[in-house]
Protein backbone atom coordinates (compact mmCIF):
# COMPACT_ATOMS: atom_id res chain seq x y z
CA MET A 1 -198.96 102.82 25.69
CA ARG A 2 -197.67 105.16 28.40
CA ASN A 3 -194.43 103.21 28.72
CA PHE A 4 -194.04 103.26 24.94
CA LEU A 5 -194.32 107.09 24.84
CA ARG A 6 -191.96 107.44 27.77
CA SER A 7 -189.34 105.23 26.19
CA SER A 8 -189.80 106.79 22.73
CA PHE A 9 -189.42 110.42 23.81
CA PHE A 10 -187.15 110.18 26.80
CA GLY A 11 -185.41 106.89 26.19
CA ASP A 12 -184.98 104.15 28.67
CA GLN A 13 -182.02 105.93 30.23
CA GLY A 14 -183.67 109.38 30.40
CA ARG A 15 -181.07 110.96 28.09
CA LEU A 16 -183.39 113.70 26.91
CA TRP A 17 -184.07 115.10 30.42
CA PRO A 18 -180.68 116.85 30.76
CA VAL A 19 -181.12 118.41 27.31
CA LEU A 20 -184.62 119.68 28.17
CA LEU A 21 -183.48 121.01 31.53
CA ALA A 22 -180.49 122.80 30.00
CA SER A 23 -182.74 124.30 27.30
CA ALA A 24 -185.19 125.56 29.91
CA VAL A 25 -182.38 127.20 31.92
CA ILE A 26 -180.97 128.86 28.79
CA LEU A 27 -184.40 130.18 27.81
CA LEU A 28 -185.12 131.41 31.32
CA PHE A 29 -181.83 133.19 31.98
CA GLY A 30 -180.43 133.73 28.49
CA CYS A 31 -183.30 135.83 27.22
CA GLN A 32 -183.15 138.55 29.86
CA ALA A 33 -182.21 142.05 28.71
CA ARG A 34 -178.70 143.03 29.67
CA GLU A 35 -176.96 146.36 29.66
CA ALA A 36 -174.80 146.80 26.58
CA PRO A 37 -171.08 147.11 27.26
CA LEU A 38 -170.26 150.71 28.17
CA SER A 39 -167.41 152.80 26.88
CA PRO A 40 -164.85 153.72 29.56
CA GLY A 41 -166.27 157.26 29.79
CA ALA A 42 -169.84 156.02 30.10
CA ALA A 43 -168.80 153.50 32.76
CA THR A 44 -167.12 156.31 34.71
CA PHE A 45 -170.24 158.47 34.35
CA LYS A 46 -172.43 155.67 35.65
CA GLN A 47 -170.15 155.00 38.61
CA GLU A 48 -169.90 158.70 39.53
CA ILE A 49 -173.67 159.24 39.27
CA LYS A 50 -174.38 156.14 41.38
CA SER A 51 -171.84 157.27 43.99
CA CYS A 52 -173.34 160.76 44.08
CA LEU A 53 -176.89 159.34 44.42
CA THR A 54 -175.77 157.03 47.22
CA ASN A 55 -174.23 159.93 49.13
CA LEU A 56 -177.24 162.18 48.52
CA SER A 57 -179.67 159.46 49.56
CA ALA A 58 -177.84 158.89 52.84
CA THR A 59 -177.83 162.58 53.78
CA LEU A 60 -181.39 163.26 52.58
CA MET A 61 -183.21 160.27 54.08
CA GLU A 62 -184.03 161.82 57.48
CA PRO A 63 -184.92 165.35 56.39
CA VAL A 64 -187.09 164.10 53.51
CA ALA A 65 -188.89 161.64 55.80
CA LYS A 66 -189.68 164.54 58.15
CA HIS A 67 -190.42 167.07 55.35
CA ASP A 68 -187.74 169.21 57.02
CA LEU A 69 -187.05 171.83 54.33
CA PRO A 70 -184.16 173.56 56.17
CA GLY A 71 -182.65 170.10 56.79
CA ILE A 72 -183.00 169.21 53.08
CA LYS A 73 -181.36 172.50 52.10
CA ALA A 74 -178.50 171.90 54.54
CA ALA A 75 -178.04 168.33 53.24
CA LEU A 76 -177.90 169.60 49.64
CA GLU A 77 -175.43 172.34 50.54
CA LYS A 78 -173.29 169.73 52.31
CA ALA A 79 -173.48 167.50 49.23
CA GLU A 80 -172.59 170.38 46.91
CA SER A 81 -168.86 169.76 46.95
CA PRO A 82 -169.12 166.10 45.80
CA ALA A 83 -171.71 167.13 43.20
CA VAL A 84 -169.45 169.91 41.94
CA LYS A 85 -166.60 167.40 41.82
CA LEU A 86 -168.88 165.14 39.79
CA CYS A 87 -169.36 167.79 37.16
CA ARG A 88 -167.04 170.65 37.96
CA LEU A 89 -167.73 172.70 34.85
CA CYS A 90 -171.15 171.54 33.73
CA PRO A 91 -174.48 172.95 34.79
CA PHE A 92 -176.32 170.55 37.07
CA GLU A 93 -179.29 170.61 39.33
CA ILE A 94 -180.35 168.34 42.14
CA GLY A 95 -184.03 168.00 42.89
CA VAL A 96 -185.77 166.38 45.84
CA THR A 97 -189.43 165.42 45.88
CA ASP A 98 -191.78 163.81 48.35
CA ALA A 99 -193.24 160.36 47.70
CA SER A 100 -195.95 161.80 45.42
CA GLY A 101 -193.57 163.80 43.20
CA GLU A 102 -194.13 167.24 44.75
CA THR A 103 -190.85 169.17 44.81
CA LEU A 104 -189.49 169.84 48.26
CA MET A 105 -186.23 171.50 47.20
CA ALA A 106 -184.07 172.14 44.14
CA TYR A 107 -180.41 173.00 44.32
CA PRO A 108 -178.94 175.32 43.29
CA VAL A 109 -182.07 177.42 43.75
CA LYS A 110 -183.22 178.96 40.47
CA GLY A 111 -186.09 181.24 39.57
CA ASP A 112 -188.70 181.87 42.23
CA GLY A 113 -187.59 178.91 44.34
CA LYS A 114 -191.16 177.61 44.55
CA GLY A 115 -191.66 173.88 44.37
CA LYS A 116 -193.20 172.30 41.32
CA ASN A 117 -195.25 169.17 41.00
CA TYR A 118 -193.54 166.56 38.83
CA SER A 119 -195.93 163.73 39.68
CA ASN A 120 -197.27 163.65 36.11
CA TYR A 121 -193.81 163.20 34.55
CA GLU A 122 -193.29 159.70 33.18
CA LEU A 123 -189.82 159.49 34.76
CA VAL A 124 -191.21 160.28 38.21
CA LYS A 125 -194.12 157.87 37.80
CA LYS A 126 -191.72 155.06 36.84
CA ALA A 127 -189.36 155.78 39.74
CA ILE A 128 -192.27 155.92 42.21
CA SER A 129 -193.96 152.74 41.00
CA SER A 130 -190.79 150.67 40.57
CA LYS A 131 -188.78 152.06 43.51
CA LYS A 132 -185.77 151.77 41.20
CA ILE A 133 -183.43 154.31 39.65
CA GLN A 134 -184.77 155.57 36.32
CA GLN A 135 -183.31 157.87 33.71
CA GLN A 136 -184.71 159.92 30.86
CA ARG A 137 -183.73 162.59 28.40
CA PHE A 138 -185.65 165.90 28.55
CA PHE A 139 -185.83 168.75 26.08
CA LEU A 140 -185.84 172.32 27.33
CA PRO A 141 -187.74 175.12 25.54
CA ASP A 142 -184.48 176.23 23.85
CA ARG A 143 -184.18 172.67 22.42
CA SER A 144 -181.20 171.81 24.60
CA GLU A 145 -181.24 168.39 26.22
CA LEU A 146 -180.90 167.33 29.82
CA TYR A 147 -180.10 163.89 31.13
CA LEU A 148 -182.06 163.17 34.29
CA VAL A 149 -181.41 160.35 36.71
CA CYS A 150 -184.09 159.87 39.36
CA ALA A 151 -183.49 157.68 42.40
CA PRO A 152 -186.05 156.64 45.01
CA LEU A 153 -185.42 157.27 48.69
CA VAL A 154 -186.62 154.04 50.27
CA ARG A 155 -186.64 153.09 53.92
CA GLU A 156 -187.88 149.66 55.02
CA ASP A 157 -189.42 149.14 51.57
CA LYS A 158 -191.43 152.38 51.90
CA LEU A 159 -190.90 155.19 49.41
CA ILE A 160 -190.35 158.47 51.21
CA GLY A 161 -189.20 160.60 48.28
CA LEU A 162 -187.02 160.94 45.21
CA VAL A 163 -183.72 162.59 44.46
CA ALA A 164 -182.86 163.56 40.89
CA ILE A 165 -179.74 164.81 39.16
CA ALA A 166 -180.01 166.78 35.92
CA ILE A 167 -176.95 167.22 33.69
CA SER A 168 -176.64 168.93 30.31
CA SER A 169 -176.26 166.33 27.55
CA VAL A 170 -173.67 168.54 25.83
CA GLU A 171 -171.53 168.74 28.96
CA ALA A 172 -171.95 165.01 29.62
CA SER A 173 -170.71 164.35 26.11
CA LYS A 174 -167.71 166.68 26.54
CA ARG A 175 -166.70 165.36 29.96
CA TRP A 176 -167.42 161.63 29.61
CA GLY A 177 -167.94 161.12 25.88
CA LEU A 178 -171.44 159.96 26.81
CA THR A 179 -173.84 159.36 23.94
CA GLU A 180 -177.61 159.51 24.19
CA LYS A 181 -177.84 155.82 23.31
CA GLU A 182 -175.43 154.87 26.11
CA PHE A 183 -177.24 157.06 28.63
CA LEU A 184 -180.68 155.68 27.80
CA GLY A 185 -179.35 152.09 27.78
CA MET A 186 -177.70 152.26 31.20
CA ASP A 187 -179.03 150.30 34.14
CA PHE A 188 -178.24 152.32 37.24
CA ASN A 189 -179.69 149.54 39.41
CA THR A 190 -176.80 147.14 38.71
């Protein structure tokens, strides 16, 4: 009986095995979510943000690991020129938190300059738990929108903090032609 089933389903030559194997590979790899093709402006935005985050991460790693606030401030001031180049005319802010989401420094300094706790924000929770770059759209009290990109600072697989860049959605649209759908659909980890 066993030989009958084997020969009925798989044939004596095993012709069905390659078809089953190919189907399994297609199902396994073909069903993964992929980033939609980006417009040229959106692709430029993604590349510039990733480059800025890479540079910021490199200069912030040591001072954040040591909770060295003057060192963080100096690193942000040093990174100001590339960040300004990134978005010369648009309002931006760079924020740095510790591994729990407590703000260590924001640049440029606004308001009272006191740190805030962002550990309850969904974006921060996702970046902390995944140790991957996350993005989200935020609404301000005046109903304007910000695009936030939050990157983990990881050393030897240990999260030491986060760095975030906030950019006005209006300015991002003017400069890069970036739409909300494109921004939310981007994968900054690829």
